[in-house]
Amino acid sequence: RQLSFNTKVAPWDDANMRKAVSHIINRNQIIAVAYEGTSTPSSTMFVQYGGMEPFINAVVEAGYGIDPDGDVEAGQALIEAAGWTMNNDIYEKDGQQLVVDILVNNSSTEYTRTVDVIVEQLRNAGIDATSRPLAGGTWDDSVSNGNFEATYNWDACGSVNEPWNSMNRFNTRFVVPLGERTPGNNNYVRWDSEAAGAYSDIVSQIGVMPLGDPDIVPMVVEAYQHVDAETPFIPLVQASKLVPFDTTYWTGWPTAEN
C-alpha cells in the first residue's frame, strides 16, 4: 500500500514537499490502528515476498529504506525550507494554507482507516489534510485523468520474484497530459522529471534481461536512488489478507508450519 502524489499539482510538484510527507508518516501507527497489529510497515516500494528479498535488501543496504516511525521534525524542516511558516497550527505561504486532499477508494475499511490515520498525522504536523472517499469507478477515473492531489493506492504491487513488473508502472513512457487517461493506469502520478527519465532508462533495460540475471540487483539500486530522491509515491505498509484452506477433502495445502 502507498500514498501517491500528482507531481503536476503545486505544491506537490516539489519533490522535497513529497519527501516531507513521507518523513511525517508513522507507519507503525498505521499498523497499530488500521491493521490492529496484523501486518508490517513497508521498507521499500516492493511487496515483501521471499522472492523479492535480494532486491529489498539491496535497496535498504544502499540507504534507501524507510524509517517506520517517521521523523516529523525532518519533514517540517523540509516544508519550512520551501518557504512555509506555521500559523495557528497549519503551515501558510503567500496567504494560502498548506492543504492536501487525499482520494481513497471506499470499497474497503482497510483503505479508509489507513487514510484516516495519515490525515491525523499530517494535521498534527501542520498540513491541512482531508480524506475524500470515492466509489471505485469514480476513484479510478479521477486518478487516471490526473484529477487529484494525492491518493491512497497499491500500484507498486505486481512483482513477485523480480522487480520489473512493479518498477515499470512508473516508466515515463506512460506519461500523458492532465485530463487524458493514462494507459493501464500506469504512472498516473505523471512523474516525468530528469530523474524519472534516468529511472525509466534503467527499468527499461531490466525489462529485456533474463530472469535471475545477477546484474539486475545493482541496477535496481541505481534506479531506486531516483525514487528515494523525488518520492513520487510513498510506500506505507504491507497489506494483510486471510487465505483459508480446508483439508476435509484435500491435503497438502500451505500451513503455518510449512
C-alpha atoms as a PDB file:
ATOM      1  CA  ARG A   1       0.000   0.000   0.000  1.00  0.00           C
ATOM      2  CA  GLN A   2       1.215   3.503  -0.746  1.00  0.00           C
ATOM      3  CA  LEU A   3       0.349   7.183  -0.950  1.00  0.00           C
ATOM      4  CA  SER A   4       0.903   8.770  -4.361  1.00  0.00           C
ATOM      5  CA  PHE A   5       1.056  12.404  -5.440  1.00  0.00           C
ATOM      6  CA  ASN A   6       0.060  14.182  -8.614  1.00  0.00           C
ATOM      7  CA  THR A   7       3.507  15.524  -9.452  1.00  0.00           C
ATOM      8  CA  LYS A   8       1.952  18.189 -11.712  1.00  0.00           C
ATOM      9  CA  VAL A   9      -0.024  19.931  -8.964  1.00  0.00           C
ATOM     10  CA  ALA A  10       1.566  22.552  -6.693  1.00  0.00           C
ATOM     11  CA  PRO A  11       2.911  22.403  -4.058  1.00  0.00           C
ATOM     12  CA  TRP A  12       3.270  18.652  -4.517  1.00  0.00           C
ATOM     13  CA  ASP A  13       5.227  19.170  -7.718  1.00  0.00           C
ATOM     14  CA  ASP A  14       8.153  19.880  -5.350  1.00  0.00           C
ATOM     15  CA  ALA A  15       9.996  16.657  -4.535  1.00  0.00           C
ATOM     16  CA  ASN A  16      11.032  17.971  -1.123  1.00  0.00           C
ATOM     17  CA  MET A  17       7.401  18.573  -0.174  1.00  0.00           C
ATOM     18  CA  ARG A  18       6.557  14.985  -1.076  1.00  0.00           C
ATOM     19  CA  LYS A  19       9.555  13.746   0.876  1.00  0.00           C
ATOM     20  CA  ALA A  20       8.387  15.842   3.830  1.00  0.00           C
ATOM     21  CA  VAL A  21       5.109  13.933   3.916  1.00  0.00           C
ATOM     22  CA  SER A  22       6.982  10.629   3.820  1.00  0.00           C
ATOM     23  CA  HIS A  23       9.013  11.718   6.852  1.00  0.00           C
ATOM     24  CA  ILE A  24       5.895  12.766   8.758  1.00  0.00           C
ATOM     25  CA  ILE A  25       4.035   9.473   8.303  1.00  0.00           C
ATOM     26  CA  ASN A  26       4.401   6.993  11.151  1.00  0.00           C
ATOM     27  CA  ARG A  27       3.864   3.591   9.526  1.00  0.00           C
ATOM     28  CA  ASN A  28       3.962   1.714  12.820  1.00  0.00           C
ATOM     29  CA  GLN A  29       0.954   3.726  13.949  1.00  0.00           C
ATOM     30  CA  ILE A  30      -0.891   2.743  10.756  1.00  0.00           C
ATOM     31  CA  ILE A  31      -0.187  -0.905  11.582  1.00  0.00           C
ATOM     32  CA  ALA A  32      -1.335  -0.477  15.177  1.00  0.00           C
ATOM     33  CA  VAL A  33      -4.562   1.375  14.372  1.00  0.00           C
ATOM     34  CA  ALA A  34      -5.722   0.474  10.861  1.00  0.00           C
ATOM     35  CA  TYR A  35      -4.423  -3.114  10.837  1.00  0.00           C
ATOM     36  CA  GLU A  36      -4.700  -3.799  14.591  1.00  0.00           C
ATOM     37  CA  GLY A  37      -1.157  -5.164  14.611  1.00  0.00           C
ATOM     38  CA  THR A  38      -1.686  -7.777  11.906  1.00  0.00           C
ATOM     39  CA  SER A  39       0.856  -6.580   9.341  1.00  0.00           C
ATOM     40  CA  THR A  40       4.227  -4.837   8.966  1.00  0.00           C
ATOM     41  CA  PRO A  41       5.493  -1.494   7.604  1.00  0.00           C
ATOM     42  CA  SER A  42       6.949  -1.380   4.117  1.00  0.00           C
ATOM     43  CA  SER A  43      10.673  -0.817   3.809  1.00  0.00           C
ATOM     44  CA  THR A  44      10.612  -0.203   0.039  1.00  0.00           C
ATOM     45  CA  MET A  45       8.089   0.000  -2.800  1.00  0.00           C
ATOM     46  CA  PHE A  46       8.038  -3.791  -3.146  1.00  0.00           C
ATOM     47  CA  VAL A  47       5.742  -6.415  -1.658  1.00  0.00           C
ATOM     48  CA  GLN A  48       7.846  -8.288   0.870  1.00  0.00           C
ATOM     49  CA  TYR A  49       7.622 -11.761  -0.652  1.00  0.00           C
ATOM     50  CA  GLY A  50      10.583 -14.073  -0.135  1.00  0.00           C
ATOM     51  CA  GLY A  51      11.466 -13.893  -3.806  1.00  0.00           C
ATOM     52  CA  MET A  52      11.871 -10.128  -3.555  1.00  0.00           C
ATOM     53  CA  GLU A  53      14.316 -10.203  -0.634  1.00  0.00           C
ATOM     54  CA  PRO A  54      17.511  -9.749  -2.721  1.00  0.00           C
ATOM     55  CA  PHE A  55      16.150  -6.529  -4.211  1.00  0.00           C
ATOM     56  CA  ILE A  56      14.617  -5.219  -1.000  1.00  0.00           C
ATOM     57  CA  ASN A  57      17.768  -5.950   0.995  1.00  0.00           C
ATOM     58  CA  ALA A  58      19.977  -4.262  -1.599  1.00  0.00           C
ATOM     59  CA  VAL A  59      17.828  -1.114  -1.609  1.00  0.00           C
ATOM     60  CA  VAL A  60      17.803  -0.937   2.193  1.00  0.00           C
ATOM     61  CA  GLU A  61      21.550  -1.567   2.451  1.00  0.00           C
ATOM     62  CA  ALA A  62      22.127   1.286  -0.008  1.00  0.00           C
ATOM     63  CA  GLY A  63      20.356   3.632   2.404  1.00  0.00           C
ATOM     64  CA  TYR A  64      17.072   3.983   0.540  1.00  0.00           C
ATOM     65  CA  GLY A  65      14.876   2.142   3.035  1.00  0.00           C
ATOM     66  CA  ILE A  66      12.119   3.762   5.092  1.00  0.00           C
ATOM     67  CA  ASP A  67      12.060   4.594   8.805  1.00  0.00           C
ATOM     68  CA  PRO A  68       8.787   3.002  10.003  1.00  0.00           C
ATOM     69  CA  ASP A  69       8.419   5.530  12.826  1.00  0.00           C
ATOM     70  CA  GLY A  70       8.968   8.586  10.624  1.00  0.00           C
ATOM     71  CA  ASP A  71      10.654  11.836  11.614  1.00  0.00           C
ATOM     72  CA  VAL A  72       8.170  14.699  11.941  1.00  0.00           C
ATOM     73  CA  GLU A  73      10.838  17.321  12.620  1.00  0.00           C
ATOM     74  CA  ALA A  74      12.744  16.360   9.479  1.00  0.00           C
ATOM     75  CA  GLY A  75       9.535  16.648   7.473  1.00  0.00           C
ATOM     76  CA  GLN A  76       8.673  20.026   8.935  1.00  0.00           C
ATOM     77  CA  ALA A  77      12.202  21.262   8.218  1.00  0.00           C
ATOM     78  CA  LEU A  78      11.721  20.477   4.520  1.00  0.00           C
ATOM     79  CA  ILE A  79       8.361  22.276   4.491  1.00  0.00           C
ATOM     80  CA  GLU A  80       9.831  25.343   6.162  1.00  0.00           C
ATOM     81  CA  ALA A  81      12.800  25.321   3.779  1.00  0.00           C
ATOM     82  CA  ALA A  82      10.247  25.663   0.965  1.00  0.00           C
ATOM     83  CA  GLY A  83       9.023  28.921   2.500  1.00  0.00           C
ATOM     84  CA  TRP A  84       6.056  27.772   4.579  1.00  0.00           C
ATOM     85  CA  THR A  85       5.545  29.105   8.105  1.00  0.00           C
ATOM     86  CA  MET A  86       3.319  27.776  10.881  1.00  0.00           C
ATOM     87  CA  ASN A  87       0.253  29.871  11.720  1.00  0.00           C
ATOM     88  CA  ASN A  88      -2.450  28.570  14.071  1.00  0.00           C
ATOM     89  CA  ASP A  89      -1.048  25.045  13.787  1.00  0.00           C
ATOM     90  CA  ILE A  90      -1.254  25.000   9.960  1.00  0.00           C
ATOM     91  CA  TYR A  91       1.520  25.973   7.547  1.00  0.00           C
ATOM     92  CA  GLU A  92       0.893  29.017   5.362  1.00  0.00           C
ATOM     93  CA  LYS A  93       2.649  30.661   2.430  1.00  0.00           C
ATOM     94  CA  ASP A  94       1.617  33.765   0.498  1.00  0.00           C
ATOM     95  CA  GLY A  95      -1.677  33.802   2.371  1.00  0.00           C
ATOM     96  CA  GLN A  96      -2.541  30.206   1.443  1.00  0.00           C
ATOM     97  CA  GLN A  97      -2.732  27.271   3.813  1.00  0.00           C
ATOM     98  CA  LEU A  98      -0.852  24.044   3.077  1.00  0.00           C
ATOM     99  CA  VAL A  99      -3.583  21.576   2.184  1.00  0.00           C
ATOM    100  CA  VAL A 100      -3.751  18.117   0.673  1.00  0.00           C
ATOM    101  CA  ASP A 101      -6.890  16.284  -0.384  1.00  0.00           C
ATOM    102  CA  ILE A 102      -6.315  12.513  -0.316  1.00  0.00           C
ATOM    103  CA  LEU A 103      -8.581  10.397  -2.511  1.00  0.00           C
ATOM    104  CA  VAL A 104      -9.323   6.899  -1.266  1.00  0.00           C
ATOM    105  CA  ASN A 105     -11.299   4.064  -2.795  1.00  0.00           C
ATOM    106  CA  ASN A 106     -14.094   3.451  -0.286  1.00  0.00           C
ATOM    107  CA  SER A 107     -14.542  -0.236  -1.080  1.00  0.00           C
ATOM    108  CA  SER A 108     -12.507  -1.387   1.930  1.00  0.00           C
ATOM    109  CA  THR A 109     -12.216  -0.302   5.542  1.00  0.00           C
ATOM    110  CA  GLU A 110      -8.509  -1.165   5.242  1.00  0.00           C
ATOM    111  CA  TYR A 111      -8.161   1.746   2.816  1.00  0.00           C
ATOM    112  CA  THR A 112     -10.313   4.306   4.597  1.00  0.00           C
ATOM    113  CA  ARG A 113      -8.963   3.548   8.073  1.00  0.00           C
ATOM    114  CA  THR A 114      -5.393   3.898   6.824  1.00  0.00           C
ATOM    115  CA  VAL A 115      -6.095   7.285   5.269  1.00  0.00           C
ATOM    116  CA  ASP A 116      -7.831   8.440   8.457  1.00  0.00           C
ATOM    117  CA  VAL A 117      -4.602   7.719  10.354  1.00  0.00           C
ATOM    118  CA  ILE A 118      -2.494   9.536   7.757  1.00  0.00           C
ATOM    119  CA  VAL A 119      -4.804  12.556   7.792  1.00  0.00           C
ATOM    120  CA  GLU A 120      -4.492  12.837  11.567  1.00  0.00           C
ATOM    121  CA  GLN A 121      -0.702  12.557  11.401  1.00  0.00           C
ATOM    122  CA  LEU A 122      -0.411  15.235   8.715  1.00  0.00           C
ATOM    123  CA  ARG A 123      -2.765  17.620  10.522  1.00  0.00           C
ATOM    124  CA  ASN A 124      -0.786  17.205  13.732  1.00  0.00           C
ATOM    125  CA  ALA A 125       2.339  18.176  11.777  1.00  0.00           C
ATOM    126  CA  GLY A 126       0.806  21.315  10.233  1.00  0.00           C
ATOM    127  CA  ILE A 127      -0.690  20.123   6.924  1.00  0.00           C
ATOM    128  CA  ASP A 128      -4.428  20.666   6.476  1.00  0.00           C
ATOM    129  CA  ALA A 129      -5.143  17.168   5.155  1.00  0.00           C
ATOM    130  CA  THR A 130      -8.540  15.728   4.293  1.00  0.00           C
ATOM    131  CA  SER A 131      -9.778  12.309   3.236  1.00  0.00           C
ATOM    132  CA  ARG A 132     -12.127  12.053   0.271  1.00  0.00           C
ATOM    133  CA  PRO A 133     -13.616   8.539  -0.051  1.00  0.00           C
ATOM    134  CA  LEU A 134     -14.876   7.753  -3.555  1.00  0.00           C
ATOM    135  CA  ALA A 135     -16.632   4.797  -5.162  1.00  0.00           C
ATOM    136  CA  GLY A 136     -14.240   2.587  -7.105  1.00  0.00           C
ATOM    137  CA  GLY A 137     -15.122   3.757 -10.614  1.00  0.00           C
ATOM    138  CA  THR A 138     -15.087   7.425  -9.656  1.00  0.00           C
ATOM    139  CA  TRP A 139     -11.765   6.999  -7.855  1.00  0.00           C
ATOM    140  CA  ASP A 140     -10.304   5.220 -10.875  1.00  0.00           C
ATOM    141  CA  ASP A 141     -11.413   7.939 -13.294  1.00  0.00           C
ATOM    142  CA  SER A 142     -10.102  10.691 -11.034  1.00  0.00           C
ATOM    143  CA  VAL A 143      -6.607   9.305 -10.609  1.00  0.00           C
ATOM    144  CA  SER A 144      -6.222   8.090 -14.183  1.00  0.00           C
ATOM    145  CA  ASN A 145      -7.125  11.501 -15.587  1.00  0.00           C
ATOM    146  CA  GLY A 146      -4.924  13.360 -13.105  1.00  0.00           C
ATOM    147  CA  ASN A 147      -7.811  14.919 -11.204  1.00  0.00           C
ATOM    148  CA  PHE A 148      -6.271  14.568  -7.745  1.00  0.00           C
ATOM    149  CA  GLU A 149      -3.621  15.928  -5.392  1.00  0.00           C
ATOM    150  CA  ALA A 150      -2.805  12.710  -3.560  1.00  0.00           C
ATOM    151  CA  THR A 151      -4.311   9.256  -3.421  1.00  0.00           C
ATOM    152  CA  TYR A 152      -4.065   6.060  -1.409  1.00  0.00           C
ATOM    153  CA  ASN A 153      -3.330   3.111  -3.699  1.00  0.00           C
ATOM    154  CA  TRP A 154      -1.469  -0.144  -4.288  1.00  0.00           C
ATOM    155  CA  ASP A 155       0.097   0.490  -7.685  1.00  0.00           C
ATOM    156  CA  ALA A 156       3.569  -0.829  -6.896  1.00  0.00           C
ATOM    157  CA  CYS A 157       2.077  -4.287  -6.452  1.00  0.00           C
ATOM    158  CA  GLY A 158       2.872  -6.797  -9.177  1.00  0.00           C
ATOM    159  CA  SER A 159       6.414  -8.011  -8.674  1.00  0.00           C
ATOM    160  CA  VAL A 160       6.612 -11.439  -7.041  1.00  0.00           C
ATOM    161  CA  ASN A 161      10.157 -12.633  -7.716  1.00  0.00           C
ATOM    162  CA  GLU A 162      11.572  -9.918  -9.978  1.00  0.00           C
ATOM    163  CA  PRO A 163      11.462  -6.095  -9.794  1.00  0.00           C
ATOM    164  CA  TRP A 164      10.472  -5.019 -13.290  1.00  0.00           C
ATOM    165  CA  ASN A 165       6.718  -5.566 -13.042  1.00  0.00           C
ATOM    166  CA  SER A 166       6.337  -3.034 -10.233  1.00  0.00           C
ATOM    167  CA  MET A 167       9.038  -0.590 -11.293  1.00  0.00           C
ATOM    168  CA  ASN A 168       7.827  -0.349 -14.892  1.00  0.00           C
ATOM    169  CA  ARG A 169       4.492   1.079 -13.762  1.00  0.00           C
ATOM    170  CA  PHE A 170       6.285   4.392 -13.186  1.00  0.00           C
ATOM    171  CA  ASN A 171       8.058   4.452 -16.554  1.00  0.00           C
ATOM    172  CA  THR A 172       7.943   7.867 -18.219  1.00  0.00           C
ATOM    173  CA  ARG A 173       6.742   6.281 -21.454  1.00  0.00           C
ATOM    174  CA  PHE A 174       3.281   6.122 -19.887  1.00  0.00           C
ATOM    175  CA  VAL A 175       3.054   9.852 -19.084  1.00  0.00           C
ATOM    176  CA  VAL A 176       0.172  11.742 -20.693  1.00  0.00           C
ATOM    177  CA  PRO A 177      -1.122  15.317 -20.127  1.00  0.00           C
ATOM    178  CA  LEU A 178      -3.523  16.108 -17.294  1.00  0.00           C
ATOM    179  CA  GLY A 179      -7.072  15.359 -18.328  1.00  0.00           C
ATOM    180  CA  GLU A 180      -6.017  12.447 -20.539  1.00  0.00           C
ATOM    181  CA  ARG A 181      -6.419   8.898 -19.252  1.00  0.00           C
ATOM    182  CA  THR A 182      -3.152   7.120 -18.501  1.00  0.00           C
ATOM    183  CA  PRO A 183      -2.678   3.766 -20.280  1.00  0.00           C
ATOM    184  CA  GLY A 184      -3.424   0.918 -17.912  1.00  0.00           C
ATOM    185  CA  ASN A 185      -3.368   3.396 -15.002  1.00  0.00           C
ATOM    186  CA  ASN A 186       0.430   3.338 -15.265  1.00  0.00           C
ATOM    187  CA  ASN A 187       2.352   6.360 -13.927  1.00  0.00           C
ATOM    188  CA  TYR A 188      -0.788   8.365 -13.277  1.00  0.00           C
ATOM    189  CA  VAL A 189       1.340  10.403 -10.869  1.00  0.00           C
ATOM    190  CA  ARG A 190       2.852  11.748 -14.110  1.00  0.00           C
ATOM    191  CA  TRP A 191       6.422  11.535 -12.853  1.00  0.00           C
ATOM    192  CA  ASP A 192       8.483  12.746 -15.809  1.00  0.00           C
ATOM    193  CA  SER A 193      11.396  14.730 -14.371  1.00  0.00           C
ATOM    194  CA  GLU A 194      15.004  14.271 -15.453  1.00  0.00           C
ATOM    195  CA  ALA A 195      15.420  11.811 -12.577  1.00  0.00           C
ATOM    196  CA  ALA A 196      12.321   9.942 -13.737  1.00  0.00           C
ATOM    197  CA  GLY A 197      13.883   9.661 -17.188  1.00  0.00           C
ATOM    198  CA  ALA A 198      17.068   8.186 -15.733  1.00  0.00           C
ATOM    199  CA  TYR A 199      14.979   5.774 -13.660  1.00  0.00           C
ATOM    200  CA  SER A 200      12.954   4.739 -16.707  1.00  0.00           C
ATOM    201  CA  ASP A 201      16.055   4.077 -18.810  1.00  0.00           C
ATOM    202  CA  ILE A 202      17.351   1.638 -16.193  1.00  0.00           C
ATOM    203  CA  VAL A 203      13.976  -0.047 -15.726  1.00  0.00           C
ATOM    204  CA  SER A 204      13.581  -0.486 -19.476  1.00  0.00           C
ATOM    205  CA  GLN A 205      16.988  -2.183 -19.606  1.00  0.00           C
ATOM    206  CA  ILE A 206      15.965  -4.530 -16.782  1.00  0.00           C
ATOM    207  CA  GLY A 207      12.836  -5.422 -18.750  1.00  0.00           C
ATOM    208  CA  VAL A 208      14.797  -7.168 -21.513  1.00  0.00           C
ATOM    209  CA  MET A 209      17.251  -9.012 -19.249  1.00  0.00           C
ATOM    210  CA  PRO A 210      16.799 -12.695 -18.370  1.00  0.00           C
ATOM    211  CA  LEU A 211      15.068 -13.523 -15.094  1.00  0.00           C
ATOM    212  CA  GLY A 212      17.632 -14.028 -12.329  1.00  0.00           C
ATOM    213  CA  ASP A 213      20.451 -12.101 -14.018  1.00  0.00           C
ATOM    214  CA  PRO A 214      22.711 -11.035 -11.100  1.00  0.00           C
ATOM    215  CA  ASP A 215      23.319  -7.658 -12.758  1.00  0.00           C
ATOM    216  CA  ILE A 216      19.703  -6.726 -12.087  1.00  0.00           C
ATOM    217  CA  VAL A 217      20.211  -6.212  -8.338  1.00  0.00           C
ATOM    218  CA  PRO A 218      22.667  -3.277  -8.621  1.00  0.00           C
ATOM    219  CA  MET A 219      20.558  -1.819 -11.425  1.00  0.00           C
ATOM    220  CA  VAL A 220      17.526  -1.811  -9.130  1.00  0.00           C
ATOM    221  CA  VAL A 221      19.542   0.083  -6.526  1.00  0.00           C
ATOM    222  CA  GLU A 222      20.740   2.578  -9.157  1.00  0.00           C
ATOM    223  CA  ALA A 223      17.161   3.193 -10.290  1.00  0.00           C
ATOM    224  CA  TYR A 224      15.813   3.335  -6.754  1.00  0.00           C
ATOM    225  CA  GLN A 225      18.005   6.284  -5.835  1.00  0.00           C
ATOM    226  CA  HIS A 226      15.727   8.406  -8.030  1.00  0.00           C
ATOM    227  CA  VAL A 227      12.597   7.129  -6.272  1.00  0.00           C
ATOM    228  CA  ASP A 228      14.197   7.963  -2.938  1.00  0.00           C
ATOM    229  CA  ALA A 229      15.264  11.436  -4.068  1.00  0.00           C
ATOM    230  CA  GLU A 230      11.976  12.539  -5.648  1.00  0.00           C
ATOM    231  CA  THR A 231       9.357  10.472  -3.790  1.00  0.00           C
ATOM    232  CA  PRO A 232       6.604  10.461  -6.432  1.00  0.00           C
ATOM    233  CA  PHE A 233       4.902   7.875  -4.230  1.00  0.00           C
ATOM    234  CA  ILE A 234       5.315   6.913  -0.572  1.00  0.00           C
ATOM    235  CA  PRO A 235       5.452   3.236   0.422  1.00  0.00           C
ATOM    236  CA  LEU A 236       3.326   2.665   3.515  1.00  0.00           C
ATOM    237  CA  VAL A 237       2.613  -0.848   4.756  1.00  0.00           C
ATOM    238  CA  GLN A 238       2.167  -4.433   3.654  1.00  0.00           C
ATOM    239  CA  ALA A 239      -1.459  -5.495   3.300  1.00  0.00           C
ATOM    240  CA  SER A 240      -2.637  -8.443   5.396  1.00  0.00           C
ATOM    241  CA  LYS A 241      -5.019 -10.989   3.899  1.00  0.00           C
ATOM    242  CA  LEU A 242      -6.584 -14.133   5.305  1.00  0.00           C
ATOM    243  CA  VAL A 243      -6.334 -17.138   2.965  1.00  0.00           C
ATOM    244  CA  PRO A 244      -8.260 -20.111   4.389  1.00  0.00           C
ATOM    245  CA  PHE A 245      -7.632 -23.730   3.389  1.00  0.00           C
ATOM    246  CA  ASP A 246      -9.919 -26.691   4.095  1.00  0.00           C
ATOM    247  CA  THR A 247      -8.335 -30.122   4.456  1.00  0.00           C
ATOM    248  CA  THR A 248     -11.595 -32.103   4.631  1.00  0.00           C
ATOM    249  CA  TYR A 249     -11.171 -33.468   1.100  1.00  0.00           C
ATOM    250  CA  TRP A 250      -7.705 -32.336   0.076  1.00  0.00           C
ATOM    251  CA  THR A 251      -4.317 -32.379   1.801  1.00  0.00           C
ATOM    252  CA  GLY A 252      -1.052 -30.626   1.076  1.00  0.00           C
ATOM    253  CA  TRP A 253      -2.262 -27.052   1.391  1.00  0.00           C
ATOM    254  CA  PRO A 254       0.182 -24.476   2.861  1.00  0.00           C
ATOM    255  CA  THR A 255       0.139 -24.244   6.644  1.00  0.00           C
ATOM    256  CA  ALA A 256       1.866 -22.097   9.260  1.00  0.00           C
ATOM    257  CA  GLU A 257       4.290 -24.980   9.797  1.00  0.00           C
ATOM    258  CA  ASN A 258       5.411 -25.466   6.187  1.00  0.00           C
END
